Amino acid sequence: MSYKLAIFDLDGTLLNTIRDLADSVNYALEKNGFPKRTLEEVTKFVGNGIRKLVVRAVPKGTDEHMTDVVFEDFKEYYGKHCADKTEKYPGIDYVLDSLHKERCRTAVISNKADYAVKILCDDFFPGKFDAVYGERESMGIKKKPDPQAVLAVLDEFKTDRKDAVYIGDSEVDIATAKNAGVDGIIVSWGFREKEILIQNGAECIVDTSQELVDKILG
């Protein structure tokens, strides 16, 4: 079918942000005397927001106060360096241009801090999205995989669940689509191996930008 609204995850779906995330994590860890993490470790830690990323990155048993200090250092550094090494995945501009040509609305929902989501979307996709939202728990909207963020966008665009599709790259995104009652498409080029996606119940996995366009536009 052809969807009227395509809602995208950001990290691992539209942008490969992992090197900037890893650099920021390791800056904050090293500044506070903690051992650095490998790129592979940071990749496994992402998906549930930057606070959870830092909680997973600090050594086991680190107290909450020290975790807060590392988190603040991470945020300060990442705010300045979030686009240093980040890159678009191949074909993403083609996907968005194809959707706009067919009048399919587009939005971004991320668990990443709202300021970083807006910076990155402005830098890499100026004018390409109808709505862009990062983490908004201070506004009473829980992070994914809670469905609230998706449902808020559906309400904003007055779109029925059947007319919307959610696109992501991880087990968090699989659960988000299911929890929101919308169709989900999972891309294989992100931060999780295909086997893990299948184990977590992914029913529709695409390997190329053309496959993604075909699935969204029918």
C-alpha atoms as a PDB file:
ATOM      1  CA  MET A   1       0.000   0.000   0.000  1.00  0.00           C
ATOM      2  CA  SER A   2       0.989   3.640  -0.282  1.00  0.00           C
ATOM      3  CA  TYR A   3       1.393   5.398   3.066  1.00  0.00           C
ATOM      4  CA  LYS A   4       0.520   9.037   3.698  1.00  0.00           C
ATOM      5  CA  LEU A   5       3.027   9.538   6.517  1.00  0.00           C
ATOM      6  CA  ALA A   6       6.504   8.056   6.947  1.00  0.00           C
ATOM      7  CA  ILE A   7       8.027   8.425  10.422  1.00  0.00           C
ATOM      8  CA  PHE A   8      11.776   7.824  10.640  1.00  0.00           C
ATOM      9  CA  ASP A   9      14.195   6.996  13.406  1.00  0.00           C
ATOM     10  CA  LEU A  10      17.423   9.018  13.068  1.00  0.00           C
ATOM     11  CA  ASP A  11      20.552   7.212  14.324  1.00  0.00           C
ATOM     12  CA  GLY A  12      21.298   4.107  12.293  1.00  0.00           C
ATOM     13  CA  THR A  13      18.404   4.788   9.932  1.00  0.00           C
ATOM     14  CA  LEU A  14      19.025   8.150   8.274  1.00  0.00           C
ATOM     15  CA  LEU A  15      22.462   8.992   9.643  1.00  0.00           C
ATOM     16  CA  ASN A  16      25.492   7.009  10.702  1.00  0.00           C
ATOM     17  CA  THR A  17      26.189   8.898  13.932  1.00  0.00           C
ATOM     18  CA  ILE A  18      28.105   6.222  15.796  1.00  0.00           C
ATOM     19  CA  ARG A  19      31.621   7.679  15.535  1.00  0.00           C
ATOM     20  CA  ASP A  20      30.567  11.049  16.965  1.00  0.00           C
ATOM     21  CA  LEU A  21      28.633   9.307  19.729  1.00  0.00           C
ATOM     22  CA  ALA A  22      31.650   7.148  20.553  1.00  0.00           C
ATOM     23  CA  ASP A  23      34.023  10.125  20.536  1.00  0.00           C
ATOM     24  CA  SER A  24      31.703  12.040  22.877  1.00  0.00           C
ATOM     25  CA  VAL A  25      31.281   9.096  25.233  1.00  0.00           C
ATOM     26  CA  ASN A  26      35.023   8.551  25.388  1.00  0.00           C
ATOM     27  CA  TYR A  27      35.747  12.242  25.926  1.00  0.00           C
ATOM     28  CA  ALA A  28      33.415  12.257  28.935  1.00  0.00           C
ATOM     29  CA  LEU A  29      34.722   8.955  30.298  1.00  0.00           C
ATOM     30  CA  GLU A  30      38.374   9.919  29.955  1.00  0.00           C
ATOM     31  CA  LYS A  31      37.800  13.351  31.473  1.00  0.00           C
ATOM     32  CA  ASN A  32      36.454  11.675  34.590  1.00  0.00           C
ATOM     33  CA  GLY A  33      39.148   9.013  34.856  1.00  0.00           C
ATOM     34  CA  PHE A  34      37.165   6.116  33.433  1.00  0.00           C
ATOM     35  CA  PRO A  35      38.377   3.689  30.750  1.00  0.00           C
ATOM     36  CA  LYS A  36      37.244   4.368  27.199  1.00  0.00           C
ATOM     37  CA  ARG A  37      34.835   2.170  25.263  1.00  0.00           C
ATOM     38  CA  THR A  38      35.306   0.575  21.841  1.00  0.00           C
ATOM     39  CA  LEU A  39      33.203   1.527  18.846  1.00  0.00           C
ATOM     40  CA  GLU A  40      31.599  -1.904  18.991  1.00  0.00           C
ATOM     41  CA  GLU A  41      30.613  -1.411  22.629  1.00  0.00           C
ATOM     42  CA  VAL A  42      29.093   2.013  21.999  1.00  0.00           C
ATOM     43  CA  THR A  43      27.158   0.600  19.051  1.00  0.00           C
ATOM     44  CA  LYS A  44      25.569  -1.956  21.373  1.00  0.00           C
ATOM     45  CA  PHE A  45      24.768   0.733  23.964  1.00  0.00           C
ATOM     46  CA  VAL A  46      22.741   3.050  21.688  1.00  0.00           C
ATOM     47  CA  GLY A  47      19.000   2.960  21.065  1.00  0.00           C
ATOM     48  CA  ASN A  48      17.362   4.117  24.280  1.00  0.00           C
ATOM     49  CA  GLY A  49      18.532   7.726  24.451  1.00  0.00           C
ATOM     50  CA  ILE A  50      21.785   9.417  25.423  1.00  0.00           C
ATOM     51  CA  ARG A  51      21.228   9.115  29.185  1.00  0.00           C
ATOM     52  CA  LYS A  52      20.951   5.353  28.881  1.00  0.00           C
ATOM     53  CA  LEU A  53      23.986   5.368  26.585  1.00  0.00           C
ATOM     54  CA  VAL A  54      26.069   7.004  29.320  1.00  0.00           C
ATOM     55  CA  VAL A  55      24.648   4.732  32.040  1.00  0.00           C
ATOM     56  CA  ARG A  56      25.738   1.724  29.985  1.00  0.00           C
ATOM     57  CA  ALA A  57      29.142   3.233  29.189  1.00  0.00           C
ATOM     58  CA  VAL A  58      30.331   4.066  32.702  1.00  0.00           C
ATOM     59  CA  PRO A  59      31.886   1.200  34.693  1.00  0.00           C
ATOM     60  CA  LYS A  60      29.477  -1.061  36.506  1.00  0.00           C
ATOM     61  CA  GLY A  61      28.788   0.215  40.010  1.00  0.00           C
ATOM     62  CA  THR A  62      29.357   3.897  39.189  1.00  0.00           C
ATOM     63  CA  ASP A  63      27.172   5.976  41.507  1.00  0.00           C
ATOM     64  CA  GLU A  64      24.426   8.234  40.209  1.00  0.00           C
ATOM     65  CA  HIS A  65      26.237  11.493  40.986  1.00  0.00           C
ATOM     66  CA  MET A  66      29.301  10.449  39.004  1.00  0.00           C
ATOM     67  CA  THR A  67      27.097   9.215  36.172  1.00  0.00           C
ATOM     68  CA  ASP A  68      25.435  12.642  36.123  1.00  0.00           C
ATOM     69  CA  VAL A  69      28.829  14.331  35.832  1.00  0.00           C
ATOM     70  CA  VAL A  70      29.809  12.115  32.893  1.00  0.00           C
ATOM     71  CA  PHE A  71      26.418  12.737  31.281  1.00  0.00           C
ATOM     72  CA  GLU A  72      26.805  16.520  31.506  1.00  0.00           C
ATOM     73  CA  ASP A  73      30.298  16.319  30.005  1.00  0.00           C
ATOM     74  CA  PHE A  74      28.961  14.101  27.227  1.00  0.00           C
ATOM     75  CA  LYS A  75      26.140  16.533  26.416  1.00  0.00           C
ATOM     76  CA  GLU A  76      28.457  19.546  26.333  1.00  0.00           C
ATOM     77  CA  TYR A  77      30.921  17.834  24.006  1.00  0.00           C
ATOM     78  CA  TYR A  78      28.309  16.203  21.769  1.00  0.00           C
ATOM     79  CA  GLY A  79      26.467  19.502  21.340  1.00  0.00           C
ATOM     80  CA  LYS A  80      29.608  20.913  19.721  1.00  0.00           C
ATOM     81  CA  HIS A  81      30.776  17.814  17.862  1.00  0.00           C
ATOM     82  CA  CYS A  82      27.621  15.899  16.901  1.00  0.00           C
ATOM     83  CA  ALA A  83      28.249  16.336  13.173  1.00  0.00           C
ATOM     84  CA  ASP A  84      32.046  15.995  12.985  1.00  0.00           C
ATOM     85  CA  LYS A  85      32.111  12.449  11.581  1.00  0.00           C
ATOM     86  CA  THR A  86      28.423  11.780  11.025  1.00  0.00           C
ATOM     87  CA  GLU A  87      27.365  10.814   7.495  1.00  0.00           C
ATOM     88  CA  LYS A  88      24.150  10.189   5.612  1.00  0.00           C
ATOM     89  CA  TYR A  89      23.506   6.619   4.633  1.00  0.00           C
ATOM     90  CA  PRO A  90      23.636   6.154   0.846  1.00  0.00           C
ATOM     91  CA  GLY A  91      20.338   6.787  -0.915  1.00  0.00           C
ATOM     92  CA  ILE A  92      18.581   8.624   1.906  1.00  0.00           C
ATOM     93  CA  ASP A  93      18.164  11.824  -0.105  1.00  0.00           C
ATOM     94  CA  TYR A  94      16.665   9.735  -2.901  1.00  0.00           C
ATOM     95  CA  VAL A  95      14.204   8.199  -0.437  1.00  0.00           C
ATOM     96  CA  LEU A  96      13.055  11.556   0.922  1.00  0.00           C
ATOM     97  CA  ASP A  97      12.820  13.172  -2.521  1.00  0.00           C
ATOM     98  CA  SER A  98      10.767  10.228  -3.784  1.00  0.00           C
ATOM     99  CA  LEU A  99       8.348  10.497  -0.866  1.00  0.00           C
ATOM    100  CA  HIS A 100       7.910  14.253  -1.295  1.00  0.00           C
ATOM    101  CA  LYS A 101       7.265  13.801  -5.006  1.00  0.00           C
ATOM    102  CA  GLU A 102       4.352  11.514  -4.121  1.00  0.00           C
ATOM    103  CA  ARG A 103       3.135  13.880  -1.367  1.00  0.00           C
ATOM    104  CA  CYS A 104       3.973  11.494   1.458  1.00  0.00           C
ATOM    105  CA  ARG A 105       4.576  13.481   4.653  1.00  0.00           C
ATOM    106  CA  THR A 106       7.771  12.801   6.591  1.00  0.00           C
ATOM    107  CA  ALA A 107       8.783  13.097  10.231  1.00  0.00           C
ATOM    108  CA  VAL A 108      11.681  12.156  12.509  1.00  0.00           C
ATOM    109  CA  ILE A 109      11.275  10.737  16.005  1.00  0.00           C
ATOM    110  CA  SER A 110      14.428  10.019  17.978  1.00  0.00           C
ATOM    111  CA  ASN A 111      15.386   9.160  21.554  1.00  0.00           C
ATOM    112  CA  LYS A 112      18.413  11.410  21.086  1.00  0.00           C
ATOM    113  CA  ALA A 113      18.395  14.817  22.791  1.00  0.00           C
ATOM    114  CA  ASP A 114      16.056  17.178  20.941  1.00  0.00           C
ATOM    115  CA  TYR A 115      18.744  19.826  20.388  1.00  0.00           C
ATOM    116  CA  ALA A 116      21.021  17.302  18.653  1.00  0.00           C
ATOM    117  CA  VAL A 117      18.222  15.912  16.494  1.00  0.00           C
ATOM    118  CA  LYS A 118      17.330  19.384  15.268  1.00  0.00           C
ATOM    119  CA  ILE A 119      20.985  20.318  14.645  1.00  0.00           C
ATOM    120  CA  LEU A 120      21.599  17.172  12.617  1.00  0.00           C
ATOM    121  CA  CYS A 121      18.402  17.387  10.598  1.00  0.00           C
ATOM    122  CA  ASP A 122      19.043  21.056   9.838  1.00  0.00           C
ATOM    123  CA  ASP A 123      22.615  20.259   8.780  1.00  0.00           C
ATOM    124  CA  PHE A 124      21.989  17.154   6.704  1.00  0.00           C
ATOM    125  CA  PHE A 125      18.336  17.422   5.616  1.00  0.00           C
ATOM    126  CA  PRO A 126      17.350  21.100   5.476  1.00  0.00           C
ATOM    127  CA  GLY A 127      13.666  21.443   4.651  1.00  0.00           C
ATOM    128  CA  LYS A 128      13.235  17.712   4.018  1.00  0.00           C
ATOM    129  CA  PHE A 129      11.032  16.874   7.013  1.00  0.00           C
ATOM    130  CA  ASP A 130       7.603  18.123   8.016  1.00  0.00           C
ATOM    131  CA  ALA A 131       8.364  17.520  11.709  1.00  0.00           C
ATOM    132  CA  VAL A 132      11.489  16.696  13.711  1.00  0.00           C
ATOM    133  CA  TYR A 133      11.421  15.607  17.358  1.00  0.00           C
ATOM    134  CA  GLY A 134      14.004  14.324  19.781  1.00  0.00           C
ATOM    135  CA  GLU A 135      13.471  13.224  23.352  1.00  0.00           C
ATOM    136  CA  ARG A 136      10.551  15.114  24.954  1.00  0.00           C
ATOM    137  CA  GLU A 137      10.026  13.484  28.347  1.00  0.00           C
ATOM    138  CA  SER A 138       9.888  16.908  29.995  1.00  0.00           C
ATOM    139  CA  MET A 139       6.705  17.425  27.961  1.00  0.00           C
ATOM    140  CA  GLY A 140       5.217  14.144  29.165  1.00  0.00           C
ATOM    141  CA  ILE A 141       6.055  12.169  26.018  1.00  0.00           C
ATOM    142  CA  LYS A 142       7.946   8.999  26.885  1.00  0.00           C
ATOM    143  CA  LYS A 143      10.880   7.703  24.882  1.00  0.00           C
ATOM    144  CA  LYS A 144      10.575   4.874  22.384  1.00  0.00           C
ATOM    145  CA  PRO A 145       9.604   2.036  22.461  1.00  0.00           C
ATOM    146  CA  ASP A 146       6.714   3.695  24.268  1.00  0.00           C
ATOM    147  CA  PRO A 147       4.219   4.619  21.524  1.00  0.00           C
ATOM    148  CA  GLN A 148       3.504   8.162  22.771  1.00  0.00           C
ATOM    149  CA  ALA A 149       5.933   9.917  20.399  1.00  0.00           C
ATOM    150  CA  VAL A 150       4.518   8.154  17.345  1.00  0.00           C
ATOM    151  CA  LEU A 151       0.931   8.719  18.442  1.00  0.00           C
ATOM    152  CA  ALA A 152       1.640  12.419  19.009  1.00  0.00           C
ATOM    153  CA  VAL A 153       2.863  12.756  15.418  1.00  0.00           C
ATOM    154  CA  LEU A 154      -0.164  10.873  14.098  1.00  0.00           C
ATOM    155  CA  ASP A 155      -2.367  13.280  15.995  1.00  0.00           C
ATOM    156  CA  GLU A 156      -0.392  16.299  14.760  1.00  0.00           C
ATOM    157  CA  PHE A 157      -0.854  15.248  11.135  1.00  0.00           C
ATOM    158  CA  LYS A 158      -4.380  13.886  11.678  1.00  0.00           C
ATOM    159  CA  THR A 159      -3.309  10.569  10.207  1.00  0.00           C
ATOM    160  CA  ASP A 160      -4.831   7.157  10.930  1.00  0.00           C
ATOM    161  CA  ARG A 161      -2.559   4.333  12.041  1.00  0.00           C
ATOM    162  CA  LYS A 162      -3.226   2.399   8.842  1.00  0.00           C
ATOM    163  CA  ASP A 163      -1.924   5.297   6.748  1.00  0.00           C
ATOM    164  CA  ALA A 164       1.386   5.646   8.597  1.00  0.00           C
ATOM    165  CA  VAL A 165       4.585   3.618   8.634  1.00  0.00           C
ATOM    166  CA  TYR A 166       7.496   3.738  11.068  1.00  0.00           C
ATOM    167  CA  ILE A 167      11.047   3.144   9.805  1.00  0.00           C
ATOM    168  CA  GLY A 168      13.979   2.237  12.051  1.00  0.00           C
ATOM    169  CA  ASP A 169      17.020   0.011  12.468  1.00  0.00           C
ATOM    170  CA  SER A 170      16.860  -1.652  15.884  1.00  0.00           C
ATOM    171  CA  GLU A 171      14.897  -3.787  18.306  1.00  0.00           C
ATOM    172  CA  VAL A 172      13.684  -0.551  19.910  1.00  0.00           C
ATOM    173  CA  ASP A 173      12.176   0.479  16.579  1.00  0.00           C
ATOM    174  CA  ILE A 174      10.559  -2.915  16.037  1.00  0.00           C
ATOM    175  CA  ALA A 175       8.855  -2.582  19.414  1.00  0.00           C
ATOM    176  CA  THR A 176       7.934   1.061  18.802  1.00  0.00           C
ATOM    177  CA  ALA A 177       5.987   0.276  15.646  1.00  0.00           C
ATOM    178  CA  LYS A 178       4.209  -2.646  17.289  1.00  0.00           C
ATOM    179  CA  ASN A 179       3.363  -0.668  20.416  1.00  0.00           C
ATOM    180  CA  ALA A 180       1.953   2.195  18.325  1.00  0.00           C
ATOM    181  CA  GLY A 181      -0.099  -0.138  16.141  1.00  0.00           C
ATOM    182  CA  VAL A 182       1.485   1.019  12.877  1.00  0.00           C
ATOM    183  CA  ASP A 183       3.304  -0.913  10.188  1.00  0.00           C
ATOM    184  CA  GLY A 184       7.060  -1.034  10.608  1.00  0.00           C
ATOM    185  CA  ILE A 185       9.947  -1.232   8.169  1.00  0.00           C
ATOM    186  CA  ILE A 186      13.408  -2.061   9.480  1.00  0.00           C
ATOM    187  CA  VAL A 187      16.549  -1.157   7.533  1.00  0.00           C
ATOM    188  CA  SER A 188      19.495  -3.550   7.568  1.00  0.00           C
ATOM    189  CA  TRP A 189      22.228  -0.916   7.211  1.00  0.00           C
ATOM    190  CA  GLY A 190      22.026   0.433  10.761  1.00  0.00           C
ATOM    191  CA  PHE A 191      23.454  -0.436  14.176  1.00  0.00           C
ATOM    192  CA  ARG A 192      22.100  -4.000  14.514  1.00  0.00           C
ATOM    193  CA  GLU A 193      22.910  -7.201  12.654  1.00  0.00           C
ATOM    194  CA  LYS A 194      20.129  -8.699  10.567  1.00  0.00           C
ATOM    195  CA  GLU A 195      19.985 -11.839  12.721  1.00  0.00           C
ATOM    196  CA  ILE A 196      19.284  -9.734  15.806  1.00  0.00           C
ATOM    197  CA  LEU A 197      16.494  -7.893  13.994  1.00  0.00           C
ATOM    198  CA  ILE A 198      14.869 -11.174  12.977  1.00  0.00           C
ATOM    199  CA  GLN A 199      15.215 -12.559  16.516  1.00  0.00           C
ATOM    200  CA  ASN A 200      13.422  -9.460  17.813  1.00  0.00           C
ATOM    201  CA  GLY A 201      10.441  -9.935  15.525  1.00  0.00           C
ATOM    202  CA  ALA A 202      11.168  -7.759  12.501  1.00  0.00           C
ATOM    203  CA  GLU A 203       8.608  -8.680   9.869  1.00  0.00           C
ATOM    204  CA  CYS A 204       9.756  -6.333   7.100  1.00  0.00           C
ATOM    205  CA  ILE A 205      13.493  -5.738   6.549  1.00  0.00           C
ATOM    206  CA  VAL A 206      14.874  -3.784   3.598  1.00  0.00           C
ATOM    207  CA  ASP A 207      18.458  -3.754   2.370  1.00  0.00           C
ATOM    208  CA  THR A 208      18.475  -0.818  -0.062  1.00  0.00           C
ATOM    209  CA  SER A 209      17.029   2.664  -0.432  1.00  0.00           C
ATOM    210  CA  GLN A 210      15.039   1.513  -3.468  1.00  0.00           C
ATOM    211  CA  GLU A 211      13.436  -1.289  -1.463  1.00  0.00           C
ATOM    212  CA  LEU A 212      12.507   1.240   1.188  1.00  0.00           C
ATOM    213  CA  VAL A 213      10.869   3.568  -1.336  1.00  0.00           C
ATOM    214  CA  ASP A 214       8.972   0.657  -2.875  1.00  0.00           C
ATOM    215  CA  LYS A 215       7.675  -0.472   0.524  1.00  0.00           C
ATOM    216  CA  ILE A 216       6.526   3.018   1.538  1.00  0.00           C
ATOM    217  CA  LEU A 217       4.950   4.030  -1.762  1.00  0.00           C
ATOM    218  CA  GLY A 218       3.608   0.616  -2.691  1.00  0.00           C
END
